[in-house]
C-alpha atoms as a PDB file:
ATOM      1  CA  MET A   1      26.044  -8.140   4.107  1.00  0.00           C
ATOM      2  CA  ASN A   2      22.470  -6.978   4.628  1.00  0.00           C
ATOM      3  CA  SER A   3      22.117  -5.043   7.886  1.00  0.00           C
ATOM      4  CA  GLY A   4      18.336  -4.680   7.932  1.00  0.00           C
ATOM      5  CA  LEU A   5      14.979  -6.034   6.930  1.00  0.00           C
ATOM      6  CA  ASN A   6      12.298  -4.135   5.025  1.00  0.00           C
ATOM      7  CA  LYS A   7       9.209  -6.349   4.887  1.00  0.00           C
ATOM      8  CA  VAL A   8       5.505  -5.478   5.130  1.00  0.00           C
ATOM      9  CA  TYR A   9       2.489  -7.806   5.361  1.00  0.00           C
ATOM     10  CA  LEU A  10      -0.951  -6.206   5.095  1.00  0.00           C
ATOM     11  CA  VAL A  11      -4.532  -7.443   4.879  1.00  0.00           C
ATOM     12  CA  GLY A  12      -7.089  -4.780   4.062  1.00  0.00           C
ATOM     13  CA  TYR A  13      -9.787  -3.432   1.784  1.00  0.00           C
ATOM     14  CA  VAL A  14      -9.064  -1.530  -1.445  1.00  0.00           C
ATOM     15  CA  THR A  15     -10.546   1.941  -0.874  1.00  0.00           C
ATOM     16  CA  ARG A  16     -10.506   3.293  -4.445  1.00  0.00           C
ATOM     17  CA  GLU A  17     -10.189   1.946  -7.964  1.00  0.00           C
ATOM     18  CA  PRO A  18      -6.532   1.340  -8.895  1.00  0.00           C
ATOM     19  CA  ARG A  19      -5.058   3.791 -11.427  1.00  0.00           C
ATOM     20  CA  TRP A  20      -1.950   3.726 -13.596  1.00  0.00           C
ATOM     21  CA  HIS A  21       0.685   6.413 -12.901  1.00  0.00           C
ATOM     22  CA  HIS A  22       4.043   7.213 -14.471  1.00  0.00           C
ATOM     23  CA  PHE A  23       6.926   7.901 -12.103  1.00  0.00           C
ATOM     24  CA  LYS A  24      10.624   8.097 -13.035  1.00  0.00           C
ATOM     25  CA  ASN A  25      10.308   6.286 -16.387  1.00  0.00           C
ATOM     26  CA  ASN A  26       8.215   3.453 -14.947  1.00  0.00           C
ATOM     27  CA  ARG A  27       4.495   2.661 -14.780  1.00  0.00           C
ATOM     28  CA  TYR A  28       2.822   1.768 -11.497  1.00  0.00           C
ATOM     29  CA  LEU A  29      -0.629   0.581 -10.554  1.00  0.00           C
ATOM     30  CA  CYS A  30      -1.499   2.763  -7.538  1.00  0.00           C
ATOM     31  CA  PHE A  31      -4.273   2.465  -4.965  1.00  0.00           C
ATOM     32  CA  THR A  32      -4.873   2.627  -1.226  1.00  0.00           C
ATOM     33  CA  ILE A  33      -5.977  -0.038   1.203  1.00  0.00           C
ATOM     34  CA  ALA A  34      -7.485   0.398   4.648  1.00  0.00           C
ATOM     35  CA  THR A  35      -6.466  -1.768   7.578  1.00  0.00           C
ATOM     36  CA  ALA A  36      -8.277  -1.743  10.913  1.00  0.00           C
ATOM     37  CA  GLU A  37      -7.491  -2.858  14.416  1.00  0.00           C
ATOM     38  CA  VAL A  38      -9.389  -2.923  17.677  1.00  0.00           C
ATOM     39  CA  ILE A  39      -7.518  -1.347  20.588  1.00  0.00           C
ATOM     40  CA  LYS A  40      -8.676  -2.199  24.112  1.00  0.00           C
ATOM     41  CA  SER A  41      -7.865   0.284  26.853  1.00  0.00           C
ATOM     42  CA  GLN A  42      -9.148   1.256  30.266  1.00  0.00           C
ATOM     43  CA  SER A  43     -11.459   3.799  28.646  1.00  0.00           C
ATOM     44  CA  GLY A  44     -13.064   1.181  26.403  1.00  0.00           C
ATOM     45  CA  ILE A  45     -12.667  -0.226  22.935  1.00  0.00           C
ATOM     46  CA  ASN A  46     -11.426   1.956  20.086  1.00  0.00           C
ATOM     47  CA  ASN A  47     -11.263   1.133  16.393  1.00  0.00           C
ATOM     48  CA  HIS A  48      -8.211   2.443  14.562  1.00  0.00           C
ATOM     49  CA  GLU A  49      -8.105   2.582  10.758  1.00  0.00           C
ATOM     50  CA  GLU A  50      -4.925   3.183   8.779  1.00  0.00           C
ATOM     51  CA  LEU A  51      -4.650   3.972   5.052  1.00  0.00           C
ATOM     52  CA  HIS A  52      -1.678   2.648   3.073  1.00  0.00           C
ATOM     53  CA  ASN A  53      -0.475   3.855  -0.344  1.00  0.00           C
ATOM     54  CA  ILE A  54       0.186   0.819  -2.551  1.00  0.00           C
ATOM     55  CA  LYS A  55       2.286   0.675  -5.744  1.00  0.00           C
ATOM     56  CA  ILE A  56       2.791  -2.257  -8.103  1.00  0.00           C
ATOM     57  CA  GLU A  57       5.364  -1.962 -10.893  1.00  0.00           C
ATOM     58  CA  ALA A  58       3.823  -2.600 -14.325  1.00  0.00           C
ATOM     59  CA  ASP A  59       6.380  -5.273 -15.184  1.00  0.00           C
ATOM     60  CA  LYS A  60       5.389  -7.195 -12.032  1.00  0.00           C
ATOM     61  CA  MET A  61       1.739  -7.339 -13.135  1.00  0.00           C
ATOM     62  CA  SER A  62       0.937 -10.426 -15.156  1.00  0.00           C
ATOM     63  CA  HIS A  63      -2.308 -11.790 -16.488  1.00  0.00           C
ATOM     64  CA  GLU A  64      -2.278 -14.511 -13.835  1.00  0.00           C
ATOM     65  CA  ARG A  65      -2.037 -12.017 -10.978  1.00  0.00           C
ATOM     66  CA  HIS A  66      -5.010 -10.693  -9.054  1.00  0.00           C
ATOM     67  CA  PHE A  67      -6.049  -7.262 -10.349  1.00  0.00           C
ATOM     68  CA  PRO A  68      -7.718  -5.566  -7.363  1.00  0.00           C
ATOM     69  CA  SER A  69     -10.928  -3.529  -7.478  1.00  0.00           C
ATOM     70  CA  ARG A  70     -12.510  -1.165  -4.976  1.00  0.00           C
ATOM     71  CA  GLY A  71     -13.953  -3.139  -2.046  1.00  0.00           C
ATOM     72  CA  ASP A  72     -11.760  -6.215  -2.562  1.00  0.00           C
ATOM     73  CA  MET A  73      -9.991  -7.606   0.472  1.00  0.00           C
ATOM     74  CA  VAL A  74      -6.344  -8.281  -0.386  1.00  0.00           C
ATOM     75  CA  TYR A  75      -3.249  -9.778   1.209  1.00  0.00           C
ATOM     76  CA  ILE A  76      -0.089  -7.867   0.302  1.00  0.00           C
ATOM     77  CA  GLN A  77       3.566  -8.710   0.827  1.00  0.00           C
ATOM     78  CA  GLY A  78       5.863  -5.800   0.116  1.00  0.00           C
ATOM     79  CA  LYS A  79       8.455  -3.340   1.312  1.00  0.00           C
ATOM     80  CA  LEU A  80       8.363   0.303   2.394  1.00  0.00           C
ATOM     81  CA  HIS A  81       9.682   3.028   0.116  1.00  0.00           C
ATOM     82  CA  THR A  82       9.911   6.629   1.405  1.00  0.00           C
ATOM     83  CA  TYR A  83      10.810   9.561  -0.806  1.00  0.00           C
ATOM     84  CA  SER A  84      10.806  13.334  -0.567  1.00  0.00           C
ATOM     85  CA  PHE A  85       9.431  15.990  -2.890  1.00  0.00           C
ATOM     86  CA  VAL A  86       8.862  19.741  -2.856  1.00  0.00           C
ATOM     87  CA  ASP A  87       5.219  20.786  -3.074  1.00  0.00           C
ATOM     88  CA  GLU A  88       3.771  23.809  -4.887  1.00  0.00           C
ATOM     89  CA  SER A  89       4.312  25.949  -1.745  1.00  0.00           C
ATOM     90  CA  ASN A  90       8.027  25.072  -1.877  1.00  0.00           C
ATOM     91  CA  VAL A  91       7.765  22.913   1.261  1.00  0.00           C
ATOM     92  CA  LYS A  92       9.698  19.645   1.432  1.00  0.00           C
ATOM     93  CA  ARG A  93       7.324  16.721   2.031  1.00  0.00           C
ATOM     94  CA  TYR A  94       7.786  12.987   2.528  1.00  0.00           C
ATOM     95  CA  LYS A  95       5.623  10.118   1.324  1.00  0.00           C
ATOM     96  CA  THR A  96       5.810   6.417   2.153  1.00  0.00           C
ATOM     97  CA  ASP A  97       4.468   3.779  -0.221  1.00  0.00           C
ATOM     98  CA  VAL A  98       4.245   0.008   0.026  1.00  0.00           C
ATOM     99  CA  MET A  99       5.979  -1.499  -3.017  1.00  0.00           C
ATOM    100  CA  VAL A 100       4.238  -4.798  -3.751  1.00  0.00           C
ATOM    101  CA  ILE A 101       6.191  -8.021  -4.026  1.00  0.00           C
ATOM    102  CA  ASN A 102       3.099 -10.249  -4.005  1.00  0.00           C
ATOM    103  CA  ILE A 103      -0.656  -9.581  -3.903  1.00  0.00           C
ATOM    104  CA  GLU A 104      -3.459 -12.104  -3.521  1.00  0.00           C
ATOM    105  CA  PRO A 105      -7.194 -11.995  -2.864  1.00  0.00           C
ATOM    106  CA  PHE A 106      -7.963 -12.617   0.809  1.00  0.00           C
ATOM    107  CA  LYS A 107     -10.957 -14.628   1.967  1.00  0.00           C
ATOM    108  CA  PRO A 108     -11.614 -14.289   5.709  1.00  0.00           C
END
């Protein structure tokens, strides 16, 4: 029985060229996207931008799939994956990535 749901839907702009990385015996296409929202409050209107780390497993990339480039607007369906690591200062850190299930170009 599944006791939870881990689903993410994002629409945003690719902020840097995707790069291939190796992590735990697997290859991933990694990039970031920026999402923005307008927040209205009593003090006025504020724009809030959020950056999201995106990973696509190499075996999930096919020739038919959209290969994003910097500046492209994309629609992503995925799930969150958080992991910990120890940095060079011996401090435990956490990082959250969006693991892509589906990615498509988005036309507003």
